[in-house]
Amino acid sequence: MRSLAQSTFTYYSQHEDDTDLLGKLLAACLTPGSVLTLDGDLGAGKTRFSQGFARAIGIQEHVNSPTFTIIKEYEGAKLPFYHMDMYRISQEEADELGLEDYFYGTGVTLIEWSSLIEDLLPQERLAITISLQGDQTRVFHLTPHGDPYVSWCVQMKENGHLQ
């Protein structure tokens, strides 16, 4: 039997509004030092999710993928937002960036292509993988690592948002 900490929860998005709703639901749970990782194929919707999530935490400026800058910092309504993209960086290069300062700081970190730096990720995080199903449907698989993230997912499941 799998422990709850290793369970994966599922969210179906039929439209961008559904994707934005997931961002809002997660934004309601955030605390300083929250880390969300985001993986999926090219075109799966990582950047689109990141944009909706950023709006949900009060980011007014346009958010795009920091593919070439690696890390972009934004000032949210309550917490700073650190948006990272590891697509073009090696684990060795990432190790020199001082990511721990972000992961254990006062803001919220969202990392696109996090699987490329798996060994550097904090033990406690919410891992999100997006896959395409048909033309429009995106399936979000949320795997919580650590008690705070487990309770977020359990609460969202109890409220009917996750399966």
N, C-alpha and C. Protein backbone atom coordinates (compact mmCIF):
# COMPACT_ATOMS: atom_id res chain seq x y z
N MET A 1 0.84 -1.19 0.00
CA MET A 1 0.00 0.00 0.00
C MET A 1 0.88 1.25 0.00
N ARG A 2 0.55 2.19 -0.88
CA ARG A 2 1.29 3.44 -0.97
C ARG A 2 0.91 4.38 0.16
N SER A 3 1.88 5.10 0.67
CA SER A 3 1.54 6.10 1.69
C SER A 3 0.96 7.32 0.99
N LEU A 4 0.20 8.10 1.73
CA LEU A 4 -0.44 9.29 1.16
C LEU A 4 0.60 10.26 0.62
N ALA A 5 1.75 10.33 1.25
CA ALA A 5 2.79 11.26 0.82
C ALA A 5 3.27 10.94 -0.59
N GLN A 6 3.06 9.71 -1.05
CA GLN A 6 3.50 9.33 -2.38
C GLN A 6 2.34 9.29 -3.37
N SER A 7 1.15 9.64 -2.93
CA SER A 7 -0.01 9.62 -3.81
C SER A 7 0.09 10.74 -4.83
N THR A 8 -0.55 10.51 -5.96
CA THR A 8 -0.66 11.53 -6.98
C THR A 8 -2.13 11.88 -7.16
N PHE A 9 -2.40 13.16 -7.19
CA PHE A 9 -3.76 13.67 -7.37
C PHE A 9 -3.87 14.19 -8.80
N THR A 10 -5.08 14.18 -9.34
CA THR A 10 -5.27 14.54 -10.74
C THR A 10 -6.26 15.70 -10.86
N TYR A 11 -5.93 16.60 -11.78
CA TYR A 11 -6.79 17.75 -12.09
C TYR A 11 -6.92 17.82 -13.61
N TYR A 12 -8.15 17.95 -14.10
CA TYR A 12 -8.39 18.02 -15.54
C TYR A 12 -8.73 19.45 -15.93
N SER A 13 -8.06 19.96 -16.94
CA SER A 13 -8.31 21.29 -17.45
C SER A 13 -8.78 21.17 -18.89
N GLN A 14 -10.01 21.62 -19.13
CA GLN A 14 -10.57 21.61 -20.48
C GLN A 14 -10.33 22.93 -21.21
N HIS A 15 -9.95 23.95 -20.44
CA HIS A 15 -9.86 25.31 -20.98
C HIS A 15 -8.85 26.09 -20.14
N GLU A 16 -8.37 27.19 -20.68
CA GLU A 16 -7.41 28.02 -19.92
C GLU A 16 -8.00 28.50 -18.60
N ASP A 17 -9.31 28.73 -18.56
CA ASP A 17 -9.94 29.14 -17.30
C ASP A 17 -9.79 28.06 -16.22
N ASP A 18 -9.85 26.80 -16.63
CA ASP A 18 -9.65 25.69 -15.69
C ASP A 18 -8.22 25.69 -15.16
N THR A 19 -7.29 25.97 -16.06
CA THR A 19 -5.87 26.04 -15.67
C THR A 19 -5.67 27.19 -14.68
N ASP A 20 -6.30 28.33 -14.95
CA ASP A 20 -6.21 29.46 -14.03
C ASP A 20 -6.81 29.13 -12.67
N LEU A 21 -7.90 28.36 -12.66
CA LEU A 21 -8.53 27.97 -11.40
C LEU A 21 -7.57 27.15 -10.56
N LEU A 22 -6.84 26.23 -11.17
CA LEU A 22 -5.86 25.45 -10.41
C LEU A 22 -4.81 26.38 -9.80
N GLY A 23 -4.36 27.36 -10.55
CA GLY A 23 -3.41 28.34 -10.02
C GLY A 23 -3.98 29.08 -8.83
N LYS A 24 -5.25 29.46 -8.90
CA LYS A 24 -5.91 30.16 -7.79
C LYS A 24 -6.03 29.27 -6.56
N LEU A 25 -6.39 28.01 -6.78
CA LEU A 25 -6.52 27.08 -5.66
C LEU A 25 -5.18 26.89 -4.95
N LEU A 26 -4.12 26.76 -5.72
CA LEU A 26 -2.79 26.60 -5.12
C LEU A 26 -2.33 27.89 -4.46
N ALA A 27 -2.62 29.02 -5.07
CA ALA A 27 -2.21 30.31 -4.51
C ALA A 27 -2.80 30.52 -3.12
N ALA A 28 -3.99 29.99 -2.89
CA ALA A 28 -4.66 30.14 -1.60
C ALA A 28 -3.93 29.38 -0.49
N CYS A 29 -3.08 28.44 -0.85
CA CYS A 29 -2.40 27.59 0.13
C CYS A 29 -0.97 28.07 0.45
N LEU A 30 -0.43 28.94 -0.33
CA LEU A 30 0.99 29.28 -0.26
C LEU A 30 1.44 29.86 1.07
N THR A 31 2.66 29.51 1.41
CA THR A 31 3.35 30.09 2.55
C THR A 31 4.78 30.44 2.09
N PRO A 32 5.50 31.30 2.80
CA PRO A 32 6.88 31.58 2.41
C PRO A 32 7.69 30.28 2.33
N GLY A 33 8.45 30.15 1.25
CA GLY A 33 9.25 28.96 1.04
C GLY A 33 8.55 27.86 0.28
N SER A 34 7.32 28.10 -0.19
CA SER A 34 6.62 27.10 -0.99
C SER A 34 7.35 26.89 -2.30
N VAL A 35 7.46 25.62 -2.70
CA VAL A 35 8.13 25.27 -3.96
C VAL A 35 7.21 24.37 -4.78
N LEU A 36 6.97 24.78 -6.02
CA LEU A 36 6.19 24.00 -6.96
C LEU A 36 7.10 23.68 -8.14
N THR A 37 7.11 22.44 -8.55
CA THR A 37 7.89 22.06 -9.72
C THR A 37 6.91 21.72 -10.84
N LEU A 38 7.33 21.99 -12.06
CA LEU A 38 6.43 21.88 -13.20
C LEU A 38 7.15 21.20 -14.35
N ASP A 39 6.63 20.07 -14.76
CA ASP A 39 7.23 19.33 -15.86
C ASP A 39 6.15 18.91 -16.84
N GLY A 40 6.57 18.66 -18.06
CA GLY A 40 5.68 18.23 -19.14
C GLY A 40 6.37 18.50 -20.46
N ASP A 41 5.86 17.89 -21.50
CA ASP A 41 6.44 18.06 -22.82
C ASP A 41 6.33 19.51 -23.29
N LEU A 42 7.10 19.86 -24.31
CA LEU A 42 6.96 21.17 -24.94
C LEU A 42 5.51 21.34 -25.38
N GLY A 43 4.93 22.49 -25.07
CA GLY A 43 3.55 22.75 -25.46
C GLY A 43 2.49 22.19 -24.54
N ALA A 44 2.91 21.57 -23.45
CA ALA A 44 1.93 20.98 -22.52
C ALA A 44 1.15 22.03 -21.74
N GLY A 45 1.74 23.22 -21.56
CA GLY A 45 1.04 24.29 -20.84
C GLY A 45 1.75 24.78 -19.60
N LYS A 46 3.04 24.51 -19.48
CA LYS A 46 3.79 24.94 -18.28
C LYS A 46 3.79 26.45 -18.13
N THR A 47 4.12 27.15 -19.20
CA THR A 47 4.17 28.60 -19.12
C THR A 47 2.78 29.18 -18.93
N ARG A 48 1.79 28.63 -19.57
CA ARG A 48 0.41 29.10 -19.41
C ARG A 48 -0.04 28.93 -17.97
N PHE A 49 0.28 27.79 -17.36
CA PHE A 49 -0.05 27.59 -15.95
C PHE A 49 0.69 28.63 -15.11
N SER A 50 1.97 28.84 -15.39
CA SER A 50 2.78 29.80 -14.62
C SER A 50 2.18 31.20 -14.68
N GLN A 51 1.66 31.59 -15.83
CA GLN A 51 1.06 32.91 -15.97
C GLN A 51 -0.20 33.04 -15.13
N GLY A 52 -1.06 32.03 -15.16
CA GLY A 52 -2.28 32.06 -14.36
C GLY A 52 -1.98 32.03 -12.87
N PHE A 53 -0.99 31.24 -12.50
CA PHE A 53 -0.56 31.15 -11.11
C PHE A 53 -0.03 32.50 -10.64
N ALA A 54 0.78 33.14 -11.47
CA ALA A 54 1.36 34.45 -11.11
C ALA A 54 0.25 35.48 -10.92
N ARG A 55 -0.74 35.50 -11.81
CA ARG A 55 -1.86 36.43 -11.64
C ARG A 55 -2.59 36.16 -10.33
N ALA A 56 -2.74 34.88 -9.98
CA ALA A 56 -3.46 34.51 -8.75
C ALA A 56 -2.74 34.99 -7.50
N ILE A 57 -1.42 35.17 -7.58
CA ILE A 57 -0.70 35.66 -6.39
C ILE A 57 -0.41 37.16 -6.48
N GLY A 58 -1.05 37.81 -7.43
CA GLY A 58 -0.99 39.26 -7.48
C GLY A 58 0.10 39.86 -8.34
N ILE A 59 0.68 39.10 -9.24
CA ILE A 59 1.69 39.65 -10.14
C ILE A 59 0.97 40.43 -11.23
N GLN A 60 1.28 41.71 -11.36
CA GLN A 60 0.61 42.56 -12.33
C GLN A 60 1.28 42.53 -13.70
N GLU A 61 2.60 42.35 -13.71
CA GLU A 61 3.32 42.40 -14.99
C GLU A 61 3.18 41.08 -15.76
N HIS A 62 3.49 41.13 -17.05
CA HIS A 62 3.41 39.94 -17.89
C HIS A 62 4.49 38.94 -17.49
N VAL A 63 4.09 37.70 -17.34
CA VAL A 63 5.02 36.63 -16.97
C VAL A 63 5.23 35.75 -18.20
N ASN A 64 6.49 35.58 -18.58
CA ASN A 64 6.79 34.63 -19.65
C ASN A 64 7.89 33.71 -19.17
N SER A 65 8.13 32.68 -19.94
CA SER A 65 9.09 31.67 -19.51
C SER A 65 10.51 32.25 -19.48
N PRO A 66 11.21 32.08 -18.36
CA PRO A 66 12.57 32.61 -18.26
C PRO A 66 13.61 31.68 -18.86
N THR A 67 13.35 31.19 -20.08
CA THR A 67 14.21 30.19 -20.71
C THR A 67 15.66 30.64 -20.80
N PHE A 68 15.89 31.89 -21.16
CA PHE A 68 17.27 32.35 -21.35
C PHE A 68 17.82 33.08 -20.14
N THR A 69 16.95 33.62 -19.29
CA THR A 69 17.43 34.30 -18.09
C THR A 69 17.50 33.35 -16.88
N ILE A 70 16.95 32.19 -16.99
CA ILE A 70 16.92 31.12 -15.98
C ILE A 70 15.99 31.45 -14.81
N ILE A 71 16.15 32.63 -14.21
CA ILE A 71 15.33 33.00 -13.04
C ILE A 71 14.81 34.42 -13.22
N LYS A 72 13.50 34.59 -13.02
CA LYS A 72 12.90 35.92 -13.00
C LYS A 72 12.25 36.10 -11.64
N GLU A 73 12.42 37.27 -11.09
CA GLU A 73 11.83 37.59 -9.79
C GLU A 73 10.73 38.63 -9.97
N TYR A 74 9.61 38.40 -9.28
CA TYR A 74 8.47 39.30 -9.34
C TYR A 74 8.03 39.59 -7.91
N GLU A 75 7.41 40.74 -7.71
CA GLU A 75 6.87 41.08 -6.40
C GLU A 75 5.38 40.83 -6.41
N GLY A 76 4.94 39.82 -5.65
CA GLY A 76 3.52 39.49 -5.57
C GLY A 76 2.81 40.34 -4.54
N ALA A 77 1.50 40.15 -4.42
CA ALA A 77 0.70 40.92 -3.47
C ALA A 77 1.15 40.66 -2.03
N LYS A 78 1.49 39.41 -1.72
CA LYS A 78 1.91 39.05 -0.36
C LYS A 78 3.30 38.45 -0.31
N LEU A 79 3.70 37.75 -1.36
CA LEU A 79 4.98 37.05 -1.36
C LEU A 79 5.72 37.30 -2.67
N PRO A 80 7.04 37.34 -2.62
CA PRO A 80 7.80 37.39 -3.88
C PRO A 80 7.60 36.09 -4.64
N PHE A 81 7.72 36.17 -5.96
CA PHE A 81 7.54 35.01 -6.84
C PHE A 81 8.82 34.82 -7.64
N TYR A 82 9.39 33.63 -7.54
CA TYR A 82 10.60 33.29 -8.26
C TYR A 82 10.24 32.25 -9.32
N HIS A 83 10.31 32.65 -10.58
CA HIS A 83 9.94 31.80 -11.70
C HIS A 83 11.22 31.34 -12.38
N MET A 84 11.43 30.03 -12.42
CA MET A 84 12.66 29.47 -12.96
C MET A 84 12.37 28.54 -14.13
N ASP A 85 13.31 28.47 -15.05
CA ASP A 85 13.21 27.56 -16.18
C ASP A 85 14.57 26.89 -16.35
N MET A 86 14.60 25.59 -16.18
CA MET A 86 15.86 24.84 -16.21
C MET A 86 16.11 24.14 -17.55
N TYR A 87 15.33 24.49 -18.58
CA TYR A 87 15.41 23.78 -19.86
C TYR A 87 16.80 23.86 -20.49
N ARG A 88 17.46 24.98 -20.39
CA ARG A 88 18.74 25.19 -21.08
C ARG A 88 19.94 25.18 -20.14
N ILE A 89 19.81 24.53 -19.00
CA ILE A 89 20.89 24.58 -18.03
C ILE A 89 21.21 23.17 -17.53
N SER A 90 22.47 22.92 -17.28
CA SER A 90 22.86 21.61 -16.75
C SER A 90 22.71 21.62 -15.23
N GLN A 91 22.69 20.44 -14.67
CA GLN A 91 22.58 20.35 -13.22
C GLN A 91 23.79 21.02 -12.55
N GLU A 92 24.96 20.87 -13.15
CA GLU A 92 26.17 21.49 -12.60
C GLU A 92 26.05 23.01 -12.61
N GLU A 93 25.54 23.57 -13.72
CA GLU A 93 25.35 25.03 -13.79
C GLU A 93 24.30 25.48 -12.78
N ALA A 94 23.24 24.72 -12.67
CA ALA A 94 22.18 25.07 -11.72
C ALA A 94 22.70 25.05 -10.29
N ASP A 95 23.60 24.13 -10.02
CA ASP A 95 24.16 24.01 -8.67
C ASP A 95 24.92 25.26 -8.26
N GLU A 96 25.41 26.02 -9.23
CA GLU A 96 26.19 27.24 -8.95
C GLU A 96 25.31 28.47 -8.80
N LEU A 97 24.01 28.34 -8.98
CA LEU A 97 23.11 29.49 -8.94
C LEU A 97 22.64 29.87 -7.53
N GLY A 98 22.92 29.05 -6.54
CA GLY A 98 22.45 29.35 -5.19
C GLY A 98 20.94 29.20 -5.06
N LEU A 99 20.41 28.16 -5.66
CA LEU A 99 18.96 27.97 -5.67
C LEU A 99 18.38 27.82 -4.27
N GLU A 100 19.18 27.32 -3.33
CA GLU A 100 18.69 27.13 -1.96
C GLU A 100 18.18 28.45 -1.37
N ASP A 101 18.82 29.56 -1.74
CA ASP A 101 18.38 30.86 -1.24
C ASP A 101 16.94 31.15 -1.65
N TYR A 102 16.56 30.68 -2.83
CA TYR A 102 15.19 30.84 -3.29
C TYR A 102 14.27 29.81 -2.63
N PHE A 103 14.70 28.54 -2.63
CA PHE A 103 13.87 27.47 -2.12
C PHE A 103 13.50 27.66 -0.65
N TYR A 104 14.41 28.18 0.12
CA TYR A 104 14.19 28.30 1.57
C TYR A 104 14.04 29.75 2.00
N GLY A 105 13.71 30.62 1.04
CA GLY A 105 13.56 32.04 1.32
C GLY A 105 12.15 32.42 1.69
N THR A 106 11.85 33.69 1.47
CA THR A 106 10.56 34.25 1.88
C THR A 106 9.52 34.25 0.78
N GLY A 107 9.90 33.75 -0.40
CA GLY A 107 8.98 33.79 -1.52
C GLY A 107 8.45 32.43 -1.91
N VAL A 108 7.83 32.41 -3.08
CA VAL A 108 7.27 31.21 -3.68
C VAL A 108 8.09 30.92 -4.94
N THR A 109 8.52 29.67 -5.09
CA THR A 109 9.32 29.29 -6.24
C THR A 109 8.55 28.33 -7.12
N LEU A 110 8.53 28.62 -8.42
CA LEU A 110 7.94 27.72 -9.41
C LEU A 110 9.04 27.41 -10.42
N ILE A 111 9.32 26.12 -10.62
CA ILE A 111 10.43 25.70 -11.47
C ILE A 111 9.91 24.88 -12.64
N GLU A 112 10.04 25.45 -13.85
CA GLU A 112 9.71 24.70 -15.05
C GLU A 112 10.89 23.81 -15.41
N TRP A 113 10.59 22.63 -15.95
CA TRP A 113 11.62 21.64 -16.33
C TRP A 113 12.45 21.21 -15.12
N SER A 114 11.81 21.06 -13.99
CA SER A 114 12.51 20.74 -12.74
C SER A 114 13.18 19.37 -12.77
N SER A 115 12.67 18.46 -13.59
CA SER A 115 13.26 17.11 -13.62
C SER A 115 14.72 17.14 -14.06
N LEU A 116 15.14 18.23 -14.70
CA LEU A 116 16.53 18.35 -15.15
C LEU A 116 17.48 18.66 -14.00
N ILE A 117 16.94 19.07 -12.85
CA ILE A 117 17.77 19.37 -11.68
C ILE A 117 17.27 18.61 -10.45
N GLU A 118 16.75 17.44 -10.67
CA GLU A 118 16.12 16.62 -9.62
C GLU A 118 16.94 16.57 -8.33
N ASP A 119 18.24 16.37 -8.44
CA ASP A 119 19.08 16.23 -7.24
C ASP A 119 19.20 17.51 -6.43
N LEU A 120 18.87 18.65 -7.02
CA LEU A 120 19.00 19.93 -6.32
C LEU A 120 17.69 20.40 -5.68
N LEU A 121 16.61 19.72 -5.98
CA LEU A 121 15.30 20.16 -5.49
C LEU A 121 15.16 19.91 -3.99
N PRO A 122 14.39 20.78 -3.32
CA PRO A 122 14.15 20.53 -1.90
C PRO A 122 13.32 19.26 -1.71
N GLN A 123 13.51 18.62 -0.61
CA GLN A 123 12.78 17.38 -0.33
C GLN A 123 11.28 17.63 -0.28
N GLU A 124 10.87 18.75 0.32
CA GLU A 124 9.46 19.10 0.42
C GLU A 124 9.10 20.05 -0.71
N ARG A 125 8.11 19.62 -1.53
CA ARG A 125 7.68 20.42 -2.67
C ARG A 125 6.40 19.80 -3.23
N LEU A 126 5.76 20.54 -4.11
CA LEU A 126 4.62 19.99 -4.85
C LEU A 126 5.08 19.81 -6.29
N ALA A 127 5.16 18.57 -6.72
CA ALA A 127 5.57 18.25 -8.09
C ALA A 127 4.32 18.17 -8.97
N ILE A 128 4.32 18.95 -10.05
CA ILE A 128 3.20 18.97 -10.98
C ILE A 128 3.72 18.54 -12.35
N THR A 129 3.05 17.57 -12.93
CA THR A 129 3.38 17.14 -14.29
C THR A 129 2.13 17.35 -15.14
N ILE A 130 2.32 17.99 -16.29
CA ILE A 130 1.20 18.27 -17.19
C ILE A 130 1.33 17.38 -18.42
N SER A 131 0.22 16.77 -18.81
CA SER A 131 0.22 16.00 -20.05
C SER A 131 -1.00 16.42 -20.87
N LEU A 132 -0.86 16.32 -22.18
CA LEU A 132 -1.95 16.63 -23.10
C LEU A 132 -2.81 15.40 -23.31
N GLN A 133 -4.11 15.64 -23.38
CA GLN A 133 -5.05 14.57 -23.67
C GLN A 133 -6.00 15.12 -24.73
N GLY A 134 -5.81 14.72 -25.97
CA GLY A 134 -6.60 15.29 -27.06
C GLY A 134 -6.07 16.67 -27.42
N ASP A 135 -6.92 17.47 -28.05
CA ASP A 135 -6.50 18.78 -28.53
C ASP A 135 -6.42 19.83 -27.42
N GLN A 136 -7.39 19.83 -26.52
CA GLN A 136 -7.50 20.89 -25.52
C GLN A 136 -7.25 20.46 -24.08
N THR A 137 -7.56 19.24 -23.74
CA THR A 137 -7.52 18.81 -22.35
C THR A 137 -6.10 18.63 -21.86
N ARG A 138 -5.83 19.25 -20.72
CA ARG A 138 -4.57 19.07 -20.03
C ARG A 138 -4.85 18.30 -18.74
N VAL A 139 -4.00 17.34 -18.45
CA VAL A 139 -4.15 16.57 -17.22
C VAL A 139 -2.97 16.95 -16.33
N PHE A 140 -3.29 17.48 -15.16
CA PHE A 140 -2.28 17.88 -14.19
C PHE A 140 -2.18 16.77 -13.13
N HIS A 141 -0.99 16.24 -12.95
CA HIS A 141 -0.74 15.24 -11.92
C HIS A 141 0.04 15.94 -10.82
N LEU A 142 -0.56 16.02 -9.63
CA LEU A 142 0.05 16.70 -8.50
C LEU A 142 0.56 15.65 -7.51
N THR A 143 1.86 15.65 -7.26
CA THR A 143 2.45 14.71 -6.32
C THR A 143 3.07 15.50 -5.17
N PRO A 144 2.44 15.47 -4.01
CA PRO A 144 2.98 16.22 -2.87
C PRO A 144 4.13 15.48 -2.20
N HIS A 145 5.17 16.22 -1.87
CA HIS A 145 6.31 15.71 -1.11
C HIS A 145 6.39 16.55 0.17
N GLY A 146 5.95 15.99 1.27
CA GLY A 146 5.97 16.70 2.54
C GLY A 146 4.57 17.04 3.01
N ASP A 147 4.42 17.09 4.32
CA ASP A 147 3.10 17.29 4.94
C ASP A 147 2.32 18.51 4.45
N PRO A 148 2.95 19.69 4.33
CA PRO A 148 2.14 20.84 3.90
C PRO A 148 1.49 20.59 2.54
N TYR A 149 2.23 20.02 1.64
CA TYR A 149 1.73 19.80 0.29
C TYR A 149 0.69 18.68 0.24
N VAL A 150 0.87 17.68 1.10
CA VAL A 150 -0.14 16.62 1.21
C VAL A 150 -1.46 17.24 1.67
N SER A 151 -1.41 18.11 2.67
CA SER A 151 -2.65 18.69 3.18
C SER A 151 -3.30 19.60 2.14
N TRP A 152 -2.51 20.31 1.32
CA TRP A 152 -3.09 21.12 0.24
C TRP A 152 -3.91 20.24 -0.68
N CYS A 153 -3.29 19.13 -1.12
CA CYS A 153 -3.94 18.24 -2.09
C CYS A 153 -5.16 17.55 -1.48
N VAL A 154 -5.06 17.11 -0.26
CA VAL A 154 -6.19 16.46 0.40
C VAL A 154 -7.35 17.44 0.51
N GLN A 155 -7.05 18.68 0.89
CA GLN A 155 -8.11 19.69 1.01
C GLN A 155 -8.76 19.95 -0.36
N MET A 156 -7.95 20.07 -1.41
CA MET A 156 -8.52 20.31 -2.74
C MET A 156 -9.32 19.11 -3.22
N LYS A 157 -8.92 17.91 -2.84
CA LYS A 157 -9.68 16.71 -3.21
C LYS A 157 -11.01 16.70 -2.45
N GLU A 158 -10.96 17.00 -1.16
CA GLU A 158 -12.18 17.02 -0.35
C GLU A 158 -13.16 18.07 -0.86
N ASN A 159 -12.64 19.15 -1.45
CA ASN A 159 -13.50 20.22 -2.00
C ASN A 159 -13.93 19.93 -3.44
N GLY A 160 -13.56 18.76 -3.95
CA GLY A 160 -14.01 18.35 -5.26
C GLY A 160 -13.19 18.84 -6.44
N HIS A 161 -12.02 19.43 -6.18
CA HIS A 161 -11.20 19.97 -7.27
C HIS A 161 -10.21 18.96 -7.84
N LEU A 162 -9.77 18.02 -7.02
CA LEU A 162 -8.81 17.03 -7.46
C LEU A 162 -9.42 15.64 -7.37
N GLN A 163 -8.88 14.74 -8.16
CA GLN A 163 -9.30 13.34 -8.10
C GLN A 163 -8.17 12.52 -7.54
